[in-house]
Amino acid sequence: MKSPKLKPQAKLLQEDLTDVLCEFDAVMEDFTSPVEKRHFRYDEHLKTMKRRSSASVSDSGISDSESECQETVK
Protein backbone atom coordinates (compact mmCIF):
# COMPACT_ATOMS: atom_id res chain seq x y z
CA MET A 1 0.00 0.00 0.00
CA LYS A 2 1.39 3.39 -0.97
CA SER A 3 1.55 6.27 1.41
CA PRO A 4 -1.08 8.95 0.69
CA LYS A 5 1.66 11.61 0.95
CA LEU A 6 3.69 10.06 -1.86
CA LYS A 7 1.53 11.31 -4.72
CA PRO A 8 1.45 14.99 -3.64
CA GLN A 9 5.22 14.92 -3.00
CA ALA A 10 5.87 13.43 -6.42
CA LYS A 11 3.68 16.09 -8.01
CA LEU A 12 5.55 18.85 -6.15
CA LEU A 13 8.89 17.41 -7.27
CA GLN A 14 7.65 17.23 -10.84
CA GLU A 15 6.49 20.87 -10.67
CA ASP A 16 9.85 21.92 -9.19
CA LEU A 17 11.71 20.06 -11.93
CA THR A 18 9.52 21.65 -14.58
CA ASP A 19 10.22 25.11 -13.14
CA VAL A 20 13.97 24.49 -13.09
CA LEU A 21 13.99 23.15 -16.64
CA CYS A 22 11.97 26.14 -17.88
CA GLU A 23 14.44 28.50 -16.21
CA PHE A 24 17.34 26.56 -17.72
CA ASP A 25 15.77 26.81 -21.18
CA ALA A 26 15.32 30.57 -20.73
CA VAL A 27 18.97 31.00 -19.71
CA MET A 28 20.20 28.89 -22.62
CA GLU A 29 18.05 30.88 -25.03
CA ASP A 30 19.43 34.09 -23.55
CA PHE A 31 23.01 32.86 -24.05
CA THR A 32 22.35 32.10 -27.70
CA SER A 33 21.20 35.66 -28.34
CA PRO A 34 23.67 38.49 -29.08
CA VAL A 35 25.22 40.08 -25.98
CA GLU A 36 23.46 43.41 -26.47
CA LYS A 37 20.06 41.67 -26.61
CA ARG A 38 20.46 39.50 -23.52
CA HIS A 39 17.94 39.97 -20.75
CA PHE A 40 20.32 39.37 -17.86
CA ARG A 41 23.82 40.48 -16.88
CA TYR A 42 25.42 37.12 -16.14
CA ASP A 43 28.93 38.54 -15.94
CA GLU A 44 27.93 40.94 -13.15
CA HIS A 45 26.05 38.18 -11.34
CA LEU A 46 29.05 35.85 -11.62
CA LYS A 47 31.43 38.50 -10.25
CA THR A 48 29.10 39.18 -7.32
CA MET A 49 28.77 35.50 -6.49
CA LYS A 50 32.54 34.98 -6.70
CA ARG A 51 33.09 37.87 -4.29
CA ARG A 52 30.54 36.44 -1.87
CA SER A 53 31.97 32.94 -1.99
CA SER A 54 35.58 34.08 -1.65
CA ALA A 55 34.65 36.27 1.31
CA SER A 56 32.92 33.40 3.09
CA VAL A 57 35.75 30.95 2.39
CA SER A 58 38.57 33.27 3.40
CA ASP A 59 36.87 34.41 6.59
CA SER A 60 37.58 31.28 8.62
CA GLY A 61 38.80 33.18 11.67
CA ILE A 62 42.25 31.59 11.46
CA SER A 63 45.09 33.63 10.06
CA ASP A 64 47.52 32.12 7.56
CA SER A 65 50.32 32.10 10.12
CA GLU A 66 48.16 30.17 12.58
CA SER A 67 47.22 27.55 9.98
CA GLU A 68 50.88 27.12 8.92
CA CYS A 69 51.83 26.68 12.55
CA GLN A 70 49.15 24.01 13.02
CA GLU A 71 50.37 22.12 9.95
CA THR A 72 53.97 21.97 11.20
CA VAL A 73 52.82 20.74 14.62
CA LYS A 74 50.90 17.79 13.14
PDB file of N, CA and C in Angstrom:
ATOM      1  N   MET A   1       0.850  -1.183   0.000  1.00  0.00           N
ATOM      2  CA  MET A   1       0.000   0.000   0.000  1.00  0.00           C
ATOM      3  C   MET A   1       0.892   1.241   0.000  1.00  0.00           C
ATOM      4  N   LYS A   2       0.596   2.168  -0.873  1.00  0.00           N
ATOM      5  CA  LYS A   2       1.388   3.387  -0.975  1.00  0.00           C
ATOM      6  C   LYS A   2       0.918   4.413   0.042  1.00  0.00           C
ATOM      7  N   SER A   3       1.863   5.195   0.481  1.00  0.00           N
ATOM      8  CA  SER A   3       1.548   6.274   1.410  1.00  0.00           C
ATOM      9  C   SER A   3       0.732   7.336   0.688  1.00  0.00           C
ATOM     10  N   PRO A   4      -0.285   7.903   1.341  1.00  0.00           N
ATOM     11  CA  PRO A   4      -1.079   8.949   0.693  1.00  0.00           C
ATOM     12  C   PRO A   4      -0.283  10.224   0.424  1.00  0.00           C
ATOM     13  N   LYS A   5       0.832  10.418   1.135  1.00  0.00           N
ATOM     14  CA  LYS A   5       1.658  11.612   0.946  1.00  0.00           C
ATOM     15  C   LYS A   5       2.562  11.489  -0.281  1.00  0.00           C
ATOM     16  N   LEU A   6       2.754  10.290  -0.767  1.00  0.00           N
ATOM     17  CA  LEU A   6       3.689  10.065  -1.863  1.00  0.00           C
ATOM     18  C   LEU A   6       3.257  10.777  -3.145  1.00  0.00           C
ATOM     19  N   LYS A   7       1.998  10.702  -3.480  1.00  0.00           N
ATOM     20  CA  LYS A   7       1.532  11.313  -4.721  1.00  0.00           C
ATOM     21  C   LYS A   7       1.684  12.833  -4.700  1.00  0.00           C
ATOM     22  N   PRO A   8       1.242  13.533  -3.640  1.00  0.00           N
ATOM     23  CA  PRO A   8       1.451  14.991  -3.635  1.00  0.00           C
ATOM     24  C   PRO A   8       2.930  15.374  -3.668  1.00  0.00           C
ATOM     25  N   GLN A   9       3.791  14.620  -2.984  1.00  0.00           N
ATOM     26  CA  GLN A   9       5.222  14.921  -2.995  1.00  0.00           C
ATOM     27  C   GLN A   9       5.793  14.738  -4.394  1.00  0.00           C
ATOM     28  N   ALA A  10       5.383  13.682  -5.060  1.00  0.00           N
ATOM     29  CA  ALA A  10       5.865  13.432  -6.418  1.00  0.00           C
ATOM     30  C   ALA A  10       5.404  14.544  -7.351  1.00  0.00           C
ATOM     31  N   LYS A  11       4.186  15.005  -7.164  1.00  0.00           N
ATOM     32  CA  LYS A  11       3.677  16.089  -8.006  1.00  0.00           C
ATOM     33  C   LYS A  11       4.454  17.376  -7.747  1.00  0.00           C
ATOM     34  N   LEU A  12       4.766  17.659  -6.480  1.00  0.00           N
ATOM     35  CA  LEU A  12       5.553  18.852  -6.149  1.00  0.00           C
ATOM     36  C   LEU A  12       6.950  18.767  -6.753  1.00  0.00           C
ATOM     37  N   LEU A  13       7.564  17.596  -6.672  1.00  0.00           N
ATOM     38  CA  LEU A  13       8.889  17.414  -7.266  1.00  0.00           C
ATOM     39  C   LEU A  13       8.839  17.601  -8.777  1.00  0.00           C
ATOM     40  N   GLN A  14       7.791  17.085  -9.390  1.00  0.00           N
ATOM     41  CA  GLN A  14       7.648  17.235 -10.838  1.00  0.00           C
ATOM     42  C   GLN A  14       7.470  18.708 -11.201  1.00  0.00           C
ATOM     43  N   GLU A  15       6.685  19.439 -10.414  1.00  0.00           N
ATOM     44  CA  GLU A  15       6.495  20.869 -10.672  1.00  0.00           C
ATOM     45  C   GLU A  15       7.801  21.635 -10.484  1.00  0.00           C
ATOM     46  N   ASP A  16       8.557  21.276  -9.427  1.00  0.00           N
ATOM     47  CA  ASP A  16       9.854  21.922  -9.195  1.00  0.00           C
ATOM     48  C   ASP A  16      10.807  21.659 -10.358  1.00  0.00           C
ATOM     49  N   LEU A  17      10.842  20.416 -10.805  1.00  0.00           N
ATOM     50  CA  LEU A  17      11.715  20.061 -11.927  1.00  0.00           C
ATOM     51  C   LEU A  17      11.303  20.816 -13.190  1.00  0.00           C
ATOM     52  N   THR A  18      10.011  20.910 -13.420  1.00  0.00           N
ATOM     53  CA  THR A  18       9.518  21.653 -14.584  1.00  0.00           C
ATOM     54  C   THR A  18       9.934  23.112 -14.504  1.00  0.00           C
ATOM     55  N   ASP A  19       9.816  23.714 -13.317  1.00  0.00           N
ATOM     56  CA  ASP A  19      10.221  25.112 -13.136  1.00  0.00           C
ATOM     57  C   ASP A  19      11.708  25.303 -13.417  1.00  0.00           C
ATOM     58  N   VAL A  20      12.523  24.393 -12.901  1.00  0.00           N
ATOM     59  CA  VAL A  20      13.973  24.487 -13.094  1.00  0.00           C
ATOM     60  C   VAL A  20      14.327  24.323 -14.569  1.00  0.00           C
ATOM     61  N   LEU A  21      13.699  23.370 -15.226  1.00  0.00           N
ATOM     62  CA  LEU A  21      13.986  23.150 -16.645  1.00  0.00           C
ATOM     63  C   LEU A  21      13.541  24.335 -17.503  1.00  0.00           C
ATOM     64  N   CYS A  22      12.420  24.952 -17.146  1.00  0.00           N
ATOM     65  CA  CYS A  22      11.967  26.143 -17.881  1.00  0.00           C
ATOM     66  C   CYS A  22      12.958  27.290 -17.697  1.00  0.00           C
ATOM     67  N   GLU A  23      13.449  27.452 -16.464  1.00  0.00           N
ATOM     68  CA  GLU A  23      14.440  28.503 -16.209  1.00  0.00           C
ATOM     69  C   GLU A  23      15.731  28.213 -16.972  1.00  0.00           C
ATOM     70  N   PHE A  24      16.142  26.953 -16.979  1.00  0.00           N
ATOM     71  CA  PHE A  24      17.341  26.561 -17.718  1.00  0.00           C
ATOM     72  C   PHE A  24      17.183  26.870 -19.206  1.00  0.00           C
ATOM     73  N   ASP A  25      16.026  26.518 -19.764  1.00  0.00           N
ATOM     74  CA  ASP A  25      15.770  26.811 -21.179  1.00  0.00           C
ATOM     75  C   ASP A  25      15.841  28.305 -21.462  1.00  0.00           C
ATOM     76  N   ALA A  26      15.297  29.119 -20.553  1.00  0.00           N
ATOM     77  CA  ALA A  26      15.324  30.572 -20.734  1.00  0.00           C
ATOM     78  C   ALA A  26      16.755  31.097 -20.709  1.00  0.00           C
ATOM     79  N   VAL A  27      17.569  30.569 -19.802  1.00  0.00           N
ATOM     80  CA  VAL A  27      18.970  30.997 -19.710  1.00  0.00           C
ATOM     81  C   VAL A  27      19.728  30.584 -20.969  1.00  0.00           C
ATOM     82  N   MET A  28      19.514  29.351 -21.418  1.00  0.00           N
ATOM     83  CA  MET A  28      20.204  28.887 -22.622  1.00  0.00           C
ATOM     84  C   MET A  28      19.789  29.712 -23.842  1.00  0.00           C
ATOM     85  N   GLU A  29      18.515  30.044 -23.926  1.00  0.00           N
ATOM     86  CA  GLU A  29      18.046  30.879 -25.034  1.00  0.00           C
ATOM     87  C   GLU A  29      18.684  32.260 -24.960  1.00  0.00           C
ATOM     88  N   ASP A  30      18.810  32.776 -23.745  1.00  0.00           N
ATOM     89  CA  ASP A  30      19.425  34.086 -23.553  1.00  0.00           C
ATOM     90  C   ASP A  30      20.892  34.060 -23.983  1.00  0.00           C
ATOM     91  N   PHE A  31      21.599  32.973 -23.667  1.00  0.00           N
ATOM     92  CA  PHE A  31      23.009  32.862 -24.047  1.00  0.00           C
ATOM     93  C   PHE A  31      23.195  32.761 -25.558  1.00  0.00           C
ATOM     94  N   THR A  32      22.216  32.226 -26.253  1.00  0.00           N
ATOM     95  CA  THR A  32      22.352  32.102 -27.702  1.00  0.00           C
ATOM     96  C   THR A  32      22.055  33.411 -28.429  1.00  0.00           C
ATOM     97  N   SER A  33      21.483  34.367 -27.714  1.00  0.00           N
ATOM     98  CA  SER A  33      21.201  35.664 -28.342  1.00  0.00           C
ATOM     99  C   SER A  33      22.445  36.549 -28.271  1.00  0.00           C
ATOM    100  N   PRO A  34      22.531  37.564 -29.125  1.00  0.00           N
ATOM    101  CA  PRO A  34      23.673  38.488 -29.075  1.00  0.00           C
ATOM    102  C   PRO A  34      23.768  39.175 -27.707  1.00  0.00           C
ATOM    103  N   VAL A  35      24.976  39.510 -27.307  1.00  0.00           N
ATOM    104  CA  VAL A  35      25.222  40.080 -25.978  1.00  0.00           C
ATOM    105  C   VAL A  35      24.351  41.298 -25.715  1.00  0.00           C
ATOM    106  N   GLU A  36      24.221  42.173 -26.691  1.00  0.00           N
ATOM    107  CA  GLU A  36      23.457  43.408 -26.465  1.00  0.00           C
ATOM    108  C   GLU A  36      21.954  43.164 -26.339  1.00  0.00           C
ATOM    109  N   LYS A  37      21.488  41.966 -26.704  1.00  0.00           N
ATOM    110  CA  LYS A  37      20.055  41.666 -26.606  1.00  0.00           C
ATOM    111  C   LYS A  37      19.725  40.743 -25.437  1.00  0.00           C
ATOM    112  N   ARG A  38      20.706  40.394 -24.650  1.00  0.00           N
ATOM    113  CA  ARG A  38      20.461  39.497 -23.518  1.00  0.00           C
ATOM    114  C   ARG A  38      19.644  40.202 -22.450  1.00  0.00           C
ATOM    115  N   HIS A  39      18.814  39.423 -21.786  1.00  0.00           N
ATOM    116  CA  HIS A  39      17.939  39.969 -20.750  1.00  0.00           C
ATOM    117  C   HIS A  39      18.639  40.141 -19.411  1.00  0.00           C
ATOM    118  N   PHE A  40      19.669  39.366 -19.163  1.00  0.00           N
ATOM    119  CA  PHE A  40      20.321  39.367 -17.857  1.00  0.00           C
ATOM    120  C   PHE A  40      21.805  39.678 -18.000  1.00  0.00           C
ATOM    121  N   ARG A  41      22.385  40.176 -16.923  1.00  0.00           N
ATOM    122  CA  ARG A  41      23.818  40.478 -16.876  1.00  0.00           C
ATOM    123  C   ARG A  41      24.523  39.363 -16.103  1.00  0.00           C
ATOM    124  N   TYR A  42      24.816  38.276 -16.788  1.00  0.00           N
ATOM    125  CA  TYR A  42      25.420  37.119 -16.137  1.00  0.00           C
ATOM    126  C   TYR A  42      26.826  37.417 -15.639  1.00  0.00           C
ATOM    127  N   ASP A  43      27.573  38.238 -16.367  1.00  0.00           N
ATOM    128  CA  ASP A  43      28.933  38.538 -15.939  1.00  0.00           C
ATOM    129  C   ASP A  43      28.932  39.277 -14.607  1.00  0.00           C
ATOM    130  N   GLU A  44      28.015  40.214 -14.422  1.00  0.00           N
ATOM    131  CA  GLU A  44      27.926  40.936 -13.145  1.00  0.00           C
ATOM    132  C   GLU A  44      27.483  39.998 -12.029  1.00  0.00           C
ATOM    133  N   HIS A  45      26.530  39.137 -12.332  1.00  0.00           N
ATOM    134  CA  HIS A  45      26.052  38.177 -11.336  1.00  0.00           C
ATOM    135  C   HIS A  45      27.179  37.230 -10.927  1.00  0.00           C
ATOM    136  N   LEU A  46      27.944  36.756 -11.898  1.00  0.00           N
ATOM    137  CA  LEU A  46      29.054  35.849 -11.616  1.00  0.00           C
ATOM    138  C   LEU A  46      30.108  36.524 -10.746  1.00  0.00           C
ATOM    139  N   LYS A  47      30.456  37.768 -11.058  1.00  0.00           N
ATOM    140  CA  LYS A  47      31.434  38.501 -10.251  1.00  0.00           C
ATOM    141  C   LYS A  47      30.948  38.675  -8.819  1.00  0.00           C
ATOM    142  N   THR A  48      29.670  39.009  -8.663  1.00  0.00           N
ATOM    143  CA  THR A  48      29.099  39.185  -7.324  1.00  0.00           C
ATOM    144  C   THR A  48      29.151  37.880  -6.542  1.00  0.00           C
ATOM    145  N   MET A  49      28.770  36.785  -7.172  1.00  0.00           N
ATOM    146  CA  MET A  49      28.765  35.497  -6.489  1.00  0.00           C
ATOM    147  C   MET A  49      30.178  35.047  -6.140  1.00  0.00           C
ATOM    148  N   LYS A  50      31.147  35.329  -6.997  1.00  0.00           N
ATOM    149  CA  LYS A  50      32.536  34.980  -6.696  1.00  0.00           C
ATOM    150  C   LYS A  50      33.035  35.772  -5.496  1.00  0.00           C
ATOM    151  N   ARG A  51      32.682  37.050  -5.438  1.00  0.00           N
ATOM    152  CA  ARG A  51      33.093  37.871  -4.286  1.00  0.00           C
ATOM    153  C   ARG A  51      32.481  37.331  -3.006  1.00  0.00           C
ATOM    154  N   ARG A  52      31.217  36.973  -3.063  1.00  0.00           N
ATOM    155  CA  ARG A  52      30.541  36.441  -1.875  1.00  0.00           C
ATOM    156  C   ARG A  52      31.171  35.133  -1.424  1.00  0.00           C
ATOM    157  N   SER A  53      31.427  34.235  -2.372  1.00  0.00           N
ATOM    158  CA  SER A  53      31.974  32.935  -1.991  1.00  0.00           C
ATOM    159  C   SER A  53      33.408  33.059  -1.499  1.00  0.00           C
ATOM    160  N   SER A  54      34.202  33.931  -2.109  1.00  0.00           N
ATOM    161  CA  SER A  54      35.584  34.080  -1.651  1.00  0.00           C
ATOM    162  C   SER A  54      35.627  34.739  -0.284  1.00  0.00           C
ATOM    163  N   ALA A  55      34.699  35.631  -0.002  1.00  0.00           N
ATOM    164  CA  ALA A  55      34.653  36.267   1.314  1.00  0.00           C
ATOM    165  C   ALA A  55      34.270  35.256   2.379  1.00  0.00           C
ATOM    166  N   SER A  56      33.341  34.370   2.091  1.00  0.00           N
ATOM    167  CA  SER A  56      32.918  33.400   3.091  1.00  0.00           C
ATOM    168  C   SER A  56      33.975  32.323   3.299  1.00  0.00           C
ATOM    169  N   VAL A  57      34.706  31.966   2.265  1.00  0.00           N
ATOM    170  CA  VAL A  57      35.749  30.949   2.387  1.00  0.00           C
ATOM    171  C   VAL A  57      36.958  31.503   3.116  1.00  0.00           C
ATOM    172  N   SER A  58      37.357  32.722   2.805  1.00  0.00           N
ATOM    173  CA  SER A  58      38.570  33.271   3.395  1.00  0.00           C
ATOM    174  C   SER A  58      38.360  33.768   4.818  1.00  0.00           C
ATOM    175  N   ASP A  59      37.146  33.905   5.254  1.00  0.00           N
ATOM    176  CA  ASP A  59      36.872  34.414   6.591  1.00  0.00           C
ATOM    177  C   ASP A  59      36.664  33.261   7.561  1.00  0.00           C
ATOM    178  N   SER A  60      37.694  32.434   7.741  1.00  0.00           N
ATOM    179  CA  SER A  60      37.581  31.280   8.621  1.00  0.00           C
ATOM    180  C   SER A  60      37.877  31.622  10.071  1.00  0.00           C
ATOM    181  N   GLY A  61      38.457  32.794  10.308  1.00  0.00           N
ATOM    182  CA  GLY A  61      38.796  33.180  11.667  1.00  0.00           C
ATOM    183  C   GLY A  61      40.200  32.761  12.059  1.00  0.00           C
ATOM    184  N   ILE A  62      40.881  32.025  11.194  1.00  0.00           N
ATOM    185  CA  ILE A  62      42.249  31.588  11.456  1.00  0.00           C
ATOM    186  C   ILE A  62      43.154  32.295  10.464  1.00  0.00           C
ATOM    187  N   SER A  63      44.166  32.941  10.959  1.00  0.00           N
ATOM    188  CA  SER A  63      45.086  33.629  10.056  1.00  0.00           C
ATOM    189  C   SER A  63      45.987  32.614   9.366  1.00  0.00           C
ATOM    190  N   ASP A  64      46.625  33.017   8.284  1.00  0.00           N
ATOM    191  CA  ASP A  64      47.518  32.119   7.555  1.00  0.00           C
ATOM    192  C   ASP A  64      48.660  31.628   8.432  1.00  0.00           C
ATOM    193  N   SER A  65      49.203  32.506   9.270  1.00  0.00           N
ATOM    194  CA  SER A  65      50.321  32.102  10.116  1.00  0.00           C
ATOM    195  C   SER A  65      49.882  31.057  11.135  1.00  0.00           C
ATOM    196  N   GLU A  66      48.660  31.173  11.637  1.00  0.00           N
ATOM    197  CA  GLU A  66      48.160  30.175  12.580  1.00  0.00           C
ATOM    198  C   GLU A  66      47.969  28.830  11.898  1.00  0.00           C
ATOM    199  N   SER A  67      47.446  28.820  10.671  1.00  0.00           N
ATOM    200  CA  SER A  67      47.220  27.553   9.980  1.00  0.00           C
ATOM    201  C   SER A  67      48.541  26.894   9.606  1.00  0.00           C
ATOM    202  N   GLU A  68      49.562  27.677   9.228  1.00  0.00           N
ATOM    203  CA  GLU A  68      50.878  27.123   8.923  1.00  0.00           C
ATOM    204  C   GLU A  68      51.486  26.509  10.171  1.00  0.00           C
ATOM    205  N   CYS A  69      51.297  27.166  11.282  1.00  0.00           N
ATOM    206  CA  CYS A  69      51.832  26.676  12.547  1.00  0.00           C
ATOM    207  C   CYS A  69      51.169  25.349  12.914  1.00  0.00           C
ATOM    208  N   GLN A  70      49.862  25.239  12.708  1.00  0.00           N
ATOM    209  CA  GLN A  70      49.152  24.008  13.022  1.00  0.00           C
ATOM    210  C   GLN A  70      49.618  22.873  12.125  1.00  0.00           C
ATOM    211  N   GLU A  71      49.929  23.155  10.865  1.00  0.00           N
ATOM    212  CA  GLU A  71      50.375  22.116   9.948  1.00  0.00           C
ATOM    213  C   GLU A  71      51.742  21.582  10.341  1.00  0.00           C
ATOM    214  N   THR A  72      52.638  22.429  10.828  1.00  0.00           N
ATOM    215  CA  THR A  72      53.967  21.967  11.202  1.00  0.00           C
ATOM    216  C   THR A  72      53.927  21.188  12.502  1.00  0.00           C
ATOM    217  N   VAL A  73      52.935  21.441  13.354  1.00  0.00           N
ATOM    218  CA  VAL A  73      52.823  20.739  14.624  1.00  0.00           C
ATOM    219  C   VAL A  73      52.329  19.323  14.409  1.00  0.00           C
ATOM    220  N   LYS A  74      51.503  19.115  13.384  1.00  0.00           N
ATOM    221  CA  LYS A  74      50.904  17.791  13.143  1.00  0.00           C
ATOM    222  C   LYS A  74      51.897  16.769  12.821  1.00  0.00           C
TER     223      LYS A  74
END
